[in-house]
């Protein structure tokens, strides 16, 4: 894992990013109609964490395009299994993404890598929910506290983002994208969040819970604006649900019937 300061334009790019962008950006532009807002809230340089809701396997590509064409080539925390996929895994690793061994003791090492990238001045992308939302209407669910711990420790700006429409490009847990139409997709970035009030409290469970809710409330408010409707008062909680916390919960439900 390399932690050199980001270089190039967009900031943080490398050969893997450039080759991927050469192929994927024209494809994404051909199959989506983009509504991008708040790009002025993304700092042009320096460490920053960008967070977003997670609704489809397609949304990391759309979100990365949004960030890349806004001047930042991000590093994401992603599930380790993707890094083992032939060819794709090599590209993901080569572009500097960070594998996470979800639901294991090794998951803690991702925090160390994330801190190192931020100290080097990178843009770090995080999906606080840790997996695709289980909410049946694609609203954000209760998130893991990792984003709060990272933000409290580093005290770097956190940019809340919300996206919608990617689930129409590639249905939740689907494998075949809809290529025959241009699907409207929205990505909006909000103003930076400040975690100074929780400084030094990264081991306090109450502070972590409060800070995590602070992040997800900002993301949810943006998504409400995009969708023009209010999120449900009761937030889906994967910790109290019978559904598996990670992986294709639809497949797991089918196997139980």
Protein backbone atom coordinates (compact mmCIF):
# COMPACT_ATOMS: atom_id res chain seq x y z
CA UNK A 1 0.00 0.00 0.00
CA UNK A 2 1.43 3.38 -1.07
CA UNK A 3 0.66 6.60 0.75
CA UNK A 4 2.41 9.21 -1.42
CA UNK A 5 0.85 12.65 -1.68
CA UNK A 6 -1.71 12.87 -4.50
CA UNK A 7 -0.55 14.27 -7.83
CA UNK A 8 -1.91 14.80 -11.31
CA UNK A 9 -5.15 16.17 -12.63
CA UNK A 10 -7.65 15.25 -11.31
CA UNK A 11 -5.73 15.29 -8.06
CA UNK A 12 -4.87 11.75 -6.99
CA UNK A 13 -5.09 10.18 -10.43
CA UNK A 14 -2.74 7.48 -11.76
CA UNK A 15 -2.47 5.28 -14.83
CA UNK A 16 -5.16 2.88 -13.58
CA UNK A 17 -7.55 5.76 -13.00
CA UNK A 18 -6.81 7.29 -16.39
CA UNK A 19 -7.32 4.06 -18.32
CA UNK A 20 -10.54 3.30 -16.44
CA UNK A 21 -11.84 6.83 -17.01
CA UNK A 22 -11.04 6.56 -20.73
CA UNK A 23 -13.37 3.57 -20.99
CA UNK A 24 -16.00 4.12 -18.32
CA UNK A 25 -16.78 7.85 -18.52
CA UNK A 26 -18.00 7.71 -22.16
CA UNK A 27 -20.05 4.61 -21.29
CA UNK A 28 -21.61 6.18 -18.20
CA UNK A 29 -22.28 9.40 -20.12
CA UNK A 30 -24.07 7.40 -22.80
CA UNK A 31 -26.44 5.59 -20.42
CA UNK A 32 -27.14 8.32 -17.84
CA UNK A 33 -28.53 11.84 -17.67
CA UNK A 34 -26.61 13.54 -14.87
CA UNK A 35 -27.91 15.98 -12.27
CA UNK A 36 -24.77 17.01 -10.38
CA UNK A 37 -24.92 19.72 -7.74
CA UNK A 38 -22.73 21.08 -4.96
CA UNK A 39 -19.42 20.43 -6.69
CA UNK A 40 -18.18 23.74 -5.30
CA UNK A 41 -18.27 22.14 -1.83
CA UNK A 42 -15.50 19.70 -2.76
CA UNK A 43 -12.07 21.13 -1.83
CA UNK A 44 -9.64 21.22 -4.74
CA UNK A 45 -6.77 19.95 -2.59
CA UNK A 46 -5.98 18.66 0.87
CA UNK A 47 -7.43 15.76 2.84
CA UNK A 48 -11.18 15.29 2.68
CA UNK A 49 -13.70 12.53 3.36
CA UNK A 50 -16.70 12.20 1.05
CA UNK A 51 -19.61 10.05 2.22
CA UNK A 52 -22.67 8.81 0.38
CA UNK A 53 -25.65 6.51 0.60
CA UNK A 54 -25.30 3.12 -1.13
CA UNK A 55 -28.13 1.87 -3.37
CA UNK A 56 -26.61 -0.18 -6.22
CA UNK A 57 -23.41 -1.81 -7.38
CA UNK A 58 -23.42 0.89 -10.09
CA UNK A 59 -23.32 3.85 -7.73
CA UNK A 60 -19.56 3.64 -6.92
CA UNK A 61 -18.85 4.18 -10.63
CA UNK A 62 -21.29 7.09 -10.88
CA UNK A 63 -20.06 8.63 -7.63
CA UNK A 64 -16.43 8.25 -8.73
CA UNK A 65 -17.23 9.95 -12.04
CA UNK A 66 -18.82 12.82 -10.11
CA UNK A 67 -15.71 13.21 -7.94
CA UNK A 68 -13.22 12.62 -10.77
CA UNK A 69 -14.78 15.24 -13.03
CA UNK A 70 -14.97 17.59 -10.04
CA UNK A 71 -11.17 17.45 -9.69
CA UNK A 72 -10.54 14.62 -7.20
CA UNK A 73 -9.60 10.98 -7.84
CA UNK A 74 -10.88 9.27 -4.67
CA UNK A 75 -9.68 6.31 -2.61
CA UNK A 76 -12.55 4.16 -1.37
CA UNK A 77 -12.98 1.66 1.42
CA UNK A 78 -14.36 -1.42 -0.37
CA UNK A 79 -15.17 -5.03 0.44
CA UNK A 80 -12.10 -7.24 0.12
CA UNK A 81 -13.81 -9.85 -2.08
CA UNK A 82 -13.95 -7.41 -5.01
CA UNK A 83 -10.14 -7.19 -5.00
CA UNK A 84 -9.99 -10.92 -5.77
CA UNK A 85 -11.99 -10.67 -9.00
CA UNK A 86 -9.70 -11.29 -12.02
CA UNK A 87 -8.65 -8.14 -13.90
CA UNK A 88 -11.15 -5.91 -12.05
CA UNK A 89 -9.42 -6.60 -8.74
CA UNK A 90 -6.06 -5.62 -10.19
CA UNK A 91 -7.45 -2.37 -11.54
CA UNK A 92 -9.13 -1.53 -8.23
CA UNK A 93 -5.98 -2.26 -6.26
CA UNK A 94 -3.80 -0.39 -8.78
CA UNK A 95 -5.94 2.72 -8.46
CA UNK A 96 -5.23 2.74 -4.71
CA UNK A 97 -8.53 1.54 -3.26
CA UNK A 98 -8.62 0.10 0.27
CA UNK A 99 -9.86 -3.48 0.96
CA UNK A 100 -12.01 -4.06 4.02
CA UNK A 101 -12.49 -7.52 5.57
CA UNK A 102 -16.04 -6.86 6.66
CA UNK A 103 -17.40 -8.41 9.85
CA UNK A 104 -13.93 -9.69 10.86
CA UNK A 105 -11.21 -8.58 13.26
CA UNK A 106 -9.12 -7.49 10.26
CA UNK A 107 -11.66 -4.77 9.46
CA UNK A 108 -9.83 -2.50 11.92
CA UNK A 109 -6.81 -2.33 9.60
CA UNK A 110 -8.88 -0.40 7.05
CA UNK A 111 -9.03 2.49 9.53
CA UNK A 112 -5.24 2.64 9.65
CA UNK A 113 -4.99 2.70 5.85
CA UNK A 114 -7.68 5.37 5.63
CA UNK A 115 -5.88 7.61 8.14
CA UNK A 116 -2.62 7.20 6.22
CA UNK A 117 -4.25 8.25 2.94
CA UNK A 118 -5.78 11.30 4.58
CA UNK A 119 -2.46 12.28 6.17
CA UNK A 120 -0.97 12.14 2.66
CA UNK A 121 -3.66 14.56 1.44
CA UNK A 122 -6.05 12.28 -0.48
CA UNK A 123 -9.79 12.39 -1.04
CA UNK A 124 -11.26 9.38 0.77
CA UNK A 125 -14.66 7.93 -0.16
CA UNK A 126 -16.74 6.12 2.45
CA UNK A 127 -20.12 4.39 2.36
CA UNK A 128 -21.04 4.62 6.07
CA UNK A 129 -23.73 1.93 5.80
CA UNK A 130 -21.05 -0.58 4.81
CA UNK A 131 -23.29 -2.35 2.27
CA UNK A 132 -26.27 -1.69 0.02
CA UNK A 133 -29.19 -0.33 2.00
CA UNK A 134 -31.73 -2.91 3.10
CA UNK A 135 -34.50 -0.30 3.18
CA UNK A 136 -37.08 -1.42 0.62
CA UNK A 137 -37.48 2.13 -0.72
CA UNK A 138 -33.76 2.89 -0.92
CA UNK A 139 -33.59 5.26 2.04
CA UNK A 140 -30.36 5.25 4.08
CA UNK A 141 -30.27 2.80 6.96
CA UNK A 142 -28.45 3.11 10.27
CA UNK A 143 -24.73 3.26 9.58
CA UNK A 144 -21.69 1.75 11.19
CA UNK A 145 -19.69 4.02 13.51
CA UNK A 146 -16.44 3.70 11.53
CA UNK A 147 -17.03 6.98 9.69
CA UNK A 148 -17.49 8.81 13.00
CA UNK A 149 -14.29 7.36 14.48
CA UNK A 150 -12.33 8.29 11.33
CA UNK A 151 -13.72 11.84 11.23
CA UNK A 152 -13.15 12.44 14.94
CA UNK A 153 -9.56 11.18 14.82
CA UNK A 154 -8.51 13.07 11.69
CA UNK A 155 -10.69 16.21 12.05
CA UNK A 156 -10.64 16.68 8.26
CA UNK A 157 -13.64 18.09 6.36
CA UNK A 158 -16.41 15.57 5.72
CA UNK A 159 -18.58 16.23 2.66
CA UNK A 160 -22.02 14.60 2.82
CA UNK A 161 -23.30 13.45 -0.56
CA UNK A 162 -26.47 11.76 -1.73
CA UNK A 163 -27.19 9.93 -4.93
CA UNK A 164 -30.27 8.48 -6.56
CA UNK A 165 -31.02 6.79 -9.87
CA UNK A 166 -28.16 4.27 -9.93
CA UNK A 167 -30.64 1.59 -8.83
CA UNK A 168 -32.38 2.10 -12.18
CA UNK A 169 -29.11 1.67 -14.08
CA UNK A 170 -28.33 -1.54 -12.21
CA UNK A 171 -31.05 -2.96 -9.93
CA UNK A 172 -30.06 -3.74 -6.35
CA UNK A 173 -27.82 -6.83 -6.47
CA UNK A 174 -28.42 -7.04 -10.22
CA UNK A 175 -25.68 -8.08 -12.63
CA UNK A 176 -26.97 -6.75 -15.95
CA UNK A 177 -27.13 -2.95 -16.38
CA UNK A 178 -29.86 -1.30 -18.42
CA UNK A 179 -27.92 -0.02 -21.41
CA UNK A 180 -30.77 0.76 -23.80
CA UNK A 181 -31.84 4.05 -22.24
CA UNK A 182 -30.35 7.12 -20.62
CA UNK A 183 -31.32 6.93 -16.96
CA UNK A 184 -31.52 10.12 -14.86
CA UNK A 185 -29.00 9.95 -12.01
CA UNK A 186 -28.44 12.57 -9.32
CA UNK A 187 -25.38 13.19 -7.15
CA UNK A 188 -25.49 16.17 -4.80
CA UNK A 189 -22.73 17.29 -2.44
CA UNK A 190 -23.50 19.30 0.68
CA UNK A 191 -21.48 21.69 2.80
CA UNK A 192 -18.64 20.31 4.97
CA UNK A 193 -19.46 18.76 8.31
CA UNK A 194 -17.43 19.66 11.40
CA UNK A 195 -16.55 17.12 14.09
CA UNK A 196 -14.72 19.45 16.49
CA UNK A 197 -17.39 18.97 19.19
CA UNK A 198 -16.39 15.29 19.49
CA UNK A 199 -12.62 15.76 19.39
CA UNK A 200 -10.85 13.22 21.59
CA UNK A 201 -13.99 11.08 21.98
CA UNK A 202 -13.27 8.44 19.34
CA UNK A 203 -13.56 5.66 21.95
CA UNK A 204 -16.79 6.95 23.50
CA UNK A 205 -19.74 4.83 22.21
CA UNK A 206 -22.26 7.60 22.86
CA UNK A 207 -20.16 10.16 20.97
CA UNK A 208 -19.65 7.75 18.08
CA UNK A 209 -23.38 7.08 17.83
CA UNK A 210 -24.20 10.80 17.92
CA UNK A 211 -21.55 11.67 15.32
CA UNK A 212 -22.68 8.85 13.02
CA UNK A 213 -26.27 10.09 13.18
CA UNK A 214 -24.98 13.59 12.40
CA UNK A 215 -23.39 12.27 9.18
CA UNK A 216 -26.36 10.20 8.07
CA UNK A 217 -28.86 12.96 8.83
CA UNK A 218 -26.97 15.25 6.44
CA UNK A 219 -26.93 12.56 3.74
CA UNK A 220 -30.64 11.84 4.24
CA UNK A 221 -31.61 15.52 4.02
CA UNK A 222 -29.84 15.79 0.67
CA UNK A 223 -31.58 12.65 -0.57
CA UNK A 224 -34.93 14.07 0.51
CA UNK A 225 -34.21 17.14 -1.63
CA UNK A 226 -33.26 14.99 -4.62
CA UNK A 227 -36.38 12.81 -4.31
CA UNK A 228 -38.75 15.60 -3.27
CA UNK A 229 -40.15 13.56 -0.38
CA UNK A 230 -39.41 12.84 3.26
CA UNK A 231 -37.58 9.79 4.54
CA UNK A 232 -39.57 7.51 6.87
CA UNK A 233 -39.47 8.43 10.54
CA UNK A 234 -38.33 4.92 11.43
CA UNK A 235 -34.85 4.23 10.06
CA UNK A 236 -34.09 0.67 8.99
CA UNK A 237 -31.65 -0.81 11.49
CA UNK A 238 -29.58 -3.77 10.23
CA UNK A 239 -28.56 -4.59 13.80
CA UNK A 240 -32.12 -5.42 14.82
CA UNK A 241 -33.21 -6.93 11.51
CA UNK A 242 -33.24 -10.65 10.77
CA UNK A 243 -31.60 -9.95 7.42
CA UNK A 244 -27.85 -10.65 7.07
CA UNK A 245 -25.76 -7.52 7.66
CA UNK A 246 -23.74 -7.90 4.46
CA UNK A 247 -24.12 -9.64 1.11
CA UNK A 248 -27.14 -10.29 -1.07
CA UNK A 249 -29.96 -10.48 1.47
CA UNK A 250 -32.46 -11.34 -1.28
CA UNK A 251 -30.52 -14.49 -2.10
CA UNK A 252 -30.32 -15.35 1.60
CA UNK A 253 -34.10 -14.98 1.95
CA UNK A 254 -34.70 -17.24 -1.07
CA UNK A 255 -32.46 -19.93 0.38
CA UNK A 256 -34.53 -19.95 3.57
CA UNK A 257 -37.79 -20.62 1.73
